[in-house]
C-alpha atoms as a PDB file:
ATOM      1  CA  UNK A   1      73.035 -92.706 -45.183  1.00  0.00           C
ATOM      2  CA  UNK A   2      75.117 -90.965 -47.832  1.00  0.00           C
ATOM      3  CA  UNK A   3      73.864 -88.435 -50.335  1.00  0.00           C
ATOM      4  CA  UNK A   4      74.190 -91.032 -53.122  1.00  0.00           C
ATOM      5  CA  UNK A   5      72.070 -93.537 -51.148  1.00  0.00           C
ATOM      6  CA  UNK A   6      69.339 -90.942 -50.630  1.00  0.00           C
ATOM      7  CA  UNK A   7      69.512 -89.825 -54.276  1.00  0.00           C
ATOM      8  CA  UNK A   8      69.290 -93.423 -55.469  1.00  0.00           C
ATOM      9  CA  UNK A   9      66.201 -94.083 -53.368  1.00  0.00           C
ATOM     10  CA  UNK A  10      64.644 -90.818 -54.507  1.00  0.00           C
ATOM     11  CA  UNK A  11      65.205 -91.686 -58.163  1.00  0.00           C
ATOM     12  CA  UNK A  12      63.990 -95.273 -57.741  1.00  0.00           C
ATOM     13  CA  UNK A  13      60.700 -94.402 -56.013  1.00  0.00           C
ATOM     14  CA  UNK A  14      58.809 -93.150 -59.095  1.00  0.00           C
ATOM     15  CA  UNK A  15      59.917 -96.162 -61.103  1.00  0.00           C
ATOM     16  CA  UNK A  16      58.763 -98.573 -58.398  1.00  0.00           C
ATOM     17  CA  UNK A  17      55.375 -96.838 -58.266  1.00  0.00           C
ATOM     18  CA  UNK A  18      54.887 -97.508 -61.975  1.00  0.00           C
ATOM     19  CA  UNK A  19      55.589-101.224 -61.711  1.00  0.00           C
ATOM     20  CA  UNK A  20      52.394-103.205 -61.943  1.00  0.00           C
ATOM     21  CA  UNK A  21      53.207-106.878 -61.874  1.00  0.00           C
ATOM     22  CA  UNK A  22      55.596-109.466 -63.066  1.00  0.00           C
ATOM     23  CA  UNK A  23      54.526-110.869 -66.410  1.00  0.00           C
ATOM     24  CA  UNK A  24      54.272-114.649 -66.034  1.00  0.00           C
ATOM     25  CA  UNK A  25      56.884-116.414 -68.110  1.00  0.00           C
ATOM     26  CA  UNK A  26      58.947-113.270 -68.671  1.00  0.00           C
ATOM     27  CA  UNK A  27      61.823-111.858 -66.726  1.00  0.00           C
ATOM     28  CA  UNK A  28      61.332-108.391 -65.291  1.00  0.00           C
ATOM     29  CA  UNK A  29      58.353-106.140 -64.914  1.00  0.00           C
ATOM     30  CA  UNK A  30      55.927-104.344 -67.194  1.00  0.00           C
ATOM     31  CA  UNK A  31      55.323-100.623 -66.777  1.00  0.00           C
ATOM     32  CA  UNK A  32      51.772 -99.349 -66.677  1.00  0.00           C
ATOM     33  CA  UNK A  33      51.583 -96.962 -69.660  1.00  0.00           C
ATOM     34  CA  UNK A  34      48.870 -94.869 -67.997  1.00  0.00           C
ATOM     35  CA  UNK A  35      48.971 -95.256 -64.199  1.00  0.00           C
ATOM     36  CA  UNK A  36      46.548 -92.359 -63.566  1.00  0.00           C
ATOM     37  CA  UNK A  37      43.854 -94.849 -62.507  1.00  0.00           C
ATOM     38  CA  UNK A  38      46.033 -95.871 -59.526  1.00  0.00           C
ATOM     39  CA  UNK A  39      46.137 -92.278 -58.293  1.00  0.00           C
ATOM     40  CA  UNK A  40      42.372 -91.675 -58.399  1.00  0.00           C
ATOM     41  CA  UNK A  41      41.253 -90.541 -54.961  1.00  0.00           C
ATOM     42  CA  UNK A  42      37.536 -91.108 -55.531  1.00  0.00           C
ATOM     43  CA  UNK A  43      35.153 -92.943 -57.851  1.00  0.00           C
ATOM     44  CA  UNK A  44      34.453 -89.838 -59.956  1.00  0.00           C
ATOM     45  CA  UNK A  45      38.141 -89.360 -60.733  1.00  0.00           C
ATOM     46  CA  UNK A  46      38.553 -93.049 -61.528  1.00  0.00           C
ATOM     47  CA  UNK A  47      35.577 -92.986 -63.892  1.00  0.00           C
ATOM     48  CA  UNK A  48      37.006 -89.915 -65.643  1.00  0.00           C
ATOM     49  CA  UNK A  49      40.360 -91.669 -66.161  1.00  0.00           C
ATOM     50  CA  UNK A  50      38.614 -94.748 -67.587  1.00  0.00           C
ATOM     51  CA  UNK A  51      36.302 -92.632 -69.758  1.00  0.00           C
ATOM     52  CA  UNK A  52      39.369 -90.819 -71.159  1.00  0.00           C
ATOM     53  CA  UNK A  53      40.860 -94.205 -72.079  1.00  0.00           C
ATOM     54  CA  UNK A  54      37.584 -95.281 -73.680  1.00  0.00           C
ATOM     55  CA  UNK A  55      37.505 -92.020 -75.679  1.00  0.00           C
ATOM     56  CA  UNK A  56      40.716 -93.209 -77.349  1.00  0.00           C
ATOM     57  CA  UNK A  57      39.858 -96.903 -77.656  1.00  0.00           C
ATOM     58  CA  UNK A  58      36.080 -97.409 -77.966  1.00  0.00           C
ATOM     59  CA  UNK A  59      33.948 -96.732 -81.047  1.00  0.00           C
ATOM     60  CA  UNK A  60      31.091 -95.294 -78.945  1.00  0.00           C
ATOM     61  CA  UNK A  61      31.096 -91.734 -77.674  1.00  0.00           C
ATOM     62  CA  UNK A  62      31.079 -90.721 -74.036  1.00  0.00           C
ATOM     63  CA  UNK A  63      27.573 -89.977 -72.822  1.00  0.00           C
ATOM     64  CA  UNK A  64      26.686 -86.620 -71.324  1.00  0.00           C
ATOM     65  CA  UNK A  65      25.583 -88.147 -68.047  1.00  0.00           C
ATOM     66  CA  UNK A  66      27.794 -90.543 -66.115  1.00  0.00           C
ATOM     67  CA  UNK A  67      26.202 -93.667 -64.667  1.00  0.00           C
ATOM     68  CA  UNK A  68      25.403 -93.997 -61.010  1.00  0.00           C
ATOM     69  CA  UNK A  69      27.859 -96.470 -59.491  1.00  0.00           C
ATOM     70  CA  UNK A  70      26.859 -98.644 -56.547  1.00  0.00           C
ATOM     71  CA  UNK A  71      28.775-101.292 -54.628  1.00  0.00           C
ATOM     72  CA  UNK A  72      26.520-104.225 -53.785  1.00  0.00           C
ATOM     73  CA  UNK A  73      26.716-107.596 -52.069  1.00  0.00           C
ATOM     74  CA  UNK A  74      26.724-110.782 -54.216  1.00  0.00           C
ATOM     75  CA  UNK A  75      23.274-111.715 -52.886  1.00  0.00           C
ATOM     76  CA  UNK A  76      21.799-108.492 -54.239  1.00  0.00           C
ATOM     77  CA  UNK A  77      23.544-108.999 -57.582  1.00  0.00           C
ATOM     78  CA  UNK A  78      21.948-112.434 -57.880  1.00  0.00           C
ATOM     79  CA  UNK A  79      18.543-110.903 -57.266  1.00  0.00           C
ATOM     80  CA  UNK A  80      18.707-108.104 -59.823  1.00  0.00           C
ATOM     81  CA  UNK A  81      15.975-109.063 -62.251  1.00  0.00           C
ATOM     82  CA  UNK A  82      17.112-109.491 -65.828  1.00  0.00           C
ATOM     83  CA  UNK A  83      20.699-108.444 -65.153  1.00  0.00           C
ATOM     84  CA  UNK A  84      22.208-111.401 -63.315  1.00  0.00           C
ATOM     85  CA  UNK A  85      22.626-114.824 -64.823  1.00  0.00           C
ATOM     86  CA  UNK A  86      24.176-113.667 -68.078  1.00  0.00           C
ATOM     87  CA  UNK A  87      27.681-113.842 -66.711  1.00  0.00           C
ATOM     88  CA  UNK A  88      30.521-116.187 -67.491  1.00  0.00           C
ATOM     89  CA  UNK A  89      31.619-117.189 -64.015  1.00  0.00           C
ATOM     90  CA  UNK A  90      31.240-115.190 -60.806  1.00  0.00           C
ATOM     91  CA  UNK A  91      29.286-111.989 -61.418  1.00  0.00           C
ATOM     92  CA  UNK A  92      31.578-109.041 -60.665  1.00  0.00           C
ATOM     93  CA  UNK A  93      29.646-106.198 -62.253  1.00  0.00           C
ATOM     94  CA  UNK A  94      26.292-105.415 -63.841  1.00  0.00           C
ATOM     95  CA  UNK A  95      24.851-102.539 -65.824  1.00  0.00           C
ATOM     96  CA  UNK A  96      21.189-101.532 -65.802  1.00  0.00           C
ATOM     97  CA  UNK A  97      20.477 -99.568 -68.987  1.00  0.00           C
ATOM     98  CA  UNK A  98      17.041 -98.479 -67.745  1.00  0.00           C
ATOM     99  CA  UNK A  99      18.400 -96.644 -64.720  1.00  0.00           C
ATOM    100  CA  UNK A 100      21.916 -95.980 -66.018  1.00  0.00           C
ATOM    101  CA  UNK A 101      23.396 -97.708 -62.985  1.00  0.00           C
ATOM    102  CA  UNK A 102      26.629 -99.684 -62.726  1.00  0.00           C
ATOM    103  CA  UNK A 103      26.610-102.274 -59.953  1.00  0.00           C
ATOM    104  CA  UNK A 104      30.032-103.442 -58.757  1.00  0.00           C
ATOM    105  CA  UNK A 105      29.872-106.625 -56.714  1.00  0.00           C
ATOM    106  CA  UNK A 106      31.841-106.644 -53.467  1.00  0.00           C
ATOM    107  CA  UNK A 107      34.561-107.313 -52.712  1.00  0.00           C
ATOM    108  CA  UNK A 108      35.728-104.628 -55.142  1.00  0.00           C
ATOM    109  CA  UNK A 109      38.956-102.643 -54.817  1.00  0.00           C
ATOM    110  CA  UNK A 110      39.783 -99.469 -56.768  1.00  0.00           C
ATOM    111  CA  UNK A 111      43.477-100.304 -56.349  1.00  0.00           C
ATOM    112  CA  UNK A 112      43.165-103.692 -58.081  1.00  0.00           C
ATOM    113  CA  UNK A 113      43.554-103.596 -61.876  1.00  0.00           C
ATOM    114  CA  UNK A 114      41.238-106.567 -62.413  1.00  0.00           C
ATOM    115  CA  UNK A 115      38.492-104.972 -60.323  1.00  0.00           C
ATOM    116  CA  UNK A 116      38.949-101.656 -62.142  1.00  0.00           C
ATOM    117  CA  UNK A 117      38.665-103.515 -65.455  1.00  0.00           C
ATOM    118  CA  UNK A 118      35.202-104.676 -64.364  1.00  0.00           C
ATOM    119  CA  UNK A 119      34.190-101.026 -63.943  1.00  0.00           C
ATOM    120  CA  UNK A 120      35.657-100.274 -67.376  1.00  0.00           C
ATOM    121  CA  UNK A 121      33.610-103.145 -68.866  1.00  0.00           C
ATOM    122  CA  UNK A 122      30.411-101.737 -67.354  1.00  0.00           C
ATOM    123  CA  UNK A 123      31.285 -98.208 -68.575  1.00  0.00           C
ATOM    124  CA  UNK A 124      31.453 -99.672 -72.085  1.00  0.00           C
ATOM    125  CA  UNK A 125      27.873-100.911 -71.602  1.00  0.00           C
ATOM    126  CA  UNK A 126      26.867 -97.410 -70.503  1.00  0.00           C
ATOM    127  CA  UNK A 127      28.190 -96.073 -73.815  1.00  0.00           C
ATOM    128  CA  UNK A 128      26.520 -98.874 -75.765  1.00  0.00           C
ATOM    129  CA  UNK A 129      23.117 -98.435 -74.099  1.00  0.00           C
ATOM    130  CA  UNK A 130      21.941 -95.668 -76.440  1.00  0.00           C
ATOM    131  CA  UNK A 131      22.466 -97.867 -79.508  1.00  0.00           C
ATOM    132  CA  UNK A 132      20.331-100.685 -80.937  1.00  0.00           C
ATOM    133  CA  UNK A 133      21.361-104.259 -80.158  1.00  0.00           C
ATOM    134  CA  UNK A 134      19.577-107.428 -81.272  1.00  0.00           C
ATOM    135  CA  UNK A 135      19.974-108.817 -77.782  1.00  0.00           C
ATOM    136  CA  UNK A 136      21.845-107.780 -74.620  1.00  0.00           C
ATOM    137  CA  UNK A 137      24.499-110.422 -75.302  1.00  0.00           C
ATOM    138  CA  UNK A 138      25.494-108.732 -78.554  1.00  0.00           C
ATOM    139  CA  UNK A 139      27.208-106.025 -76.505  1.00  0.00           C
ATOM    140  CA  UNK A 140      29.389-108.386 -74.508  1.00  0.00           C
ATOM    141  CA  UNK A 141      32.150-109.284 -76.949  1.00  0.00           C
ATOM    142  CA  UNK A 142      33.169-105.664 -77.559  1.00  0.00           C
ATOM    143  CA  UNK A 143      33.045-104.888 -73.825  1.00  0.00           C
ATOM    144  CA  UNK A 144      35.216-107.905 -73.012  1.00  0.00           C
ATOM    145  CA  UNK A 145      37.660-107.042 -75.836  1.00  0.00           C
ATOM    146  CA  UNK A 146      38.127-103.528 -74.454  1.00  0.00           C
ATOM    147  CA  UNK A 147      38.517-104.924 -70.939  1.00  0.00           C
ATOM    148  CA  UNK A 148      41.106-107.391 -72.261  1.00  0.00           C
ATOM    149  CA  UNK A 149      43.017-104.583 -74.031  1.00  0.00           C
ATOM    150  CA  UNK A 150      43.062-102.402 -70.900  1.00  0.00           C
ATOM    151  CA  UNK A 151      44.355-105.293 -68.767  1.00  0.00           C
ATOM    152  CA  UNK A 152      46.870-106.263 -71.456  1.00  0.00           C
ATOM    153  CA  UNK A 153      48.366-102.783 -71.364  1.00  0.00           C
ATOM    154  CA  UNK A 154      49.082-103.461 -67.702  1.00  0.00           C
ATOM    155  CA  UNK A 155      50.659-106.866 -68.285  1.00  0.00           C
ATOM    156  CA  UNK A 156      47.588-108.786 -67.126  1.00  0.00           C
ATOM    157  CA  UNK A 157      45.273-111.223 -68.863  1.00  0.00           C
ATOM    158  CA  UNK A 158      41.487-111.192 -68.821  1.00  0.00           C
ATOM    159  CA  UNK A 159      39.968-114.439 -67.575  1.00  0.00           C
ATOM    160  CA  UNK A 160      37.213-114.760 -70.184  1.00  0.00           C
ATOM    161  CA  UNK A 161      35.399-117.786 -71.573  1.00  0.00           C
ATOM    162  CA  UNK A 162      35.514-116.568 -75.186  1.00  0.00           C
ATOM    163  CA  UNK A 163      33.409-119.444 -76.494  1.00  0.00           C
ATOM    164  CA  UNK A 164      30.546-118.483 -74.163  1.00  0.00           C
ATOM    165  CA  UNK A 165      30.932-114.782 -74.996  1.00  0.00           C
ATOM    166  CA  UNK A 166      30.871-115.365 -78.768  1.00  0.00           C
ATOM    167  CA  UNK A 167      27.871-117.686 -78.484  1.00  0.00           C
ATOM    168  CA  UNK A 168      26.011-115.125 -76.370  1.00  0.00           C
ATOM    169  CA  UNK A 169      26.906-112.344 -78.806  1.00  0.00           C
ATOM    170  CA  UNK A 170      25.227-114.338 -81.597  1.00  0.00           C
ATOM    171  CA  UNK A 171      21.791-113.814 -79.973  1.00  0.00           C
ATOM    172  CA  UNK A 172      20.822-117.369 -80.807  1.00  0.00           C
ATOM    173  CA  UNK A 173      17.959-118.923 -78.841  1.00  0.00           C
ATOM    174  CA  UNK A 174      19.452-121.077 -76.095  1.00  0.00           C
ATOM    175  CA  UNK A 175      16.984-123.926 -76.113  1.00  0.00           C
ATOM    176  CA  UNK A 176      15.931-125.022 -79.585  1.00  0.00           C
ATOM    177  CA  UNK A 177      13.725-128.097 -79.826  1.00  0.00           C
ATOM    178  CA  UNK A 178      11.773-129.278 -82.845  1.00  0.00           C
ATOM    179  CA  UNK A 179       8.030-129.416 -82.368  1.00  0.00           C
END
């Protein structure tokens, strides 16, 4: 291997590490503008990276105490009273404002941008928890919008049923029947 071959590989390596994914319908790749989340070696570091992003993007301030973060099986997620059942599709994360706990539903991978966006979504709820909301659903649209923005910066799209989210955010009773 010549010096130029080695130099070319050495120069290409950092660029390849920044590539996230091909953008469907577009030629080429999209660079992750802030790849620090990929280099997090533990959950605490990952949360700090996401909280730093939320400091720039979210209207709610970072709380003094970070949430507890637990990985749980789908069966346990289904059984969490009052938290499950509000989702729009498969439940991937939950936040309990009473205990300040984020539940991430397995399988969950800190190296997968979509999974990390679920954590980001739940961290938004942690910030929102100290504010008044007419109903829990009122918090969802903003959390999904921030999740969508974070994924968009990485060339990915959030898979969100916006009609369901907007309806839930309206806090309207779900079953209205005349007497």
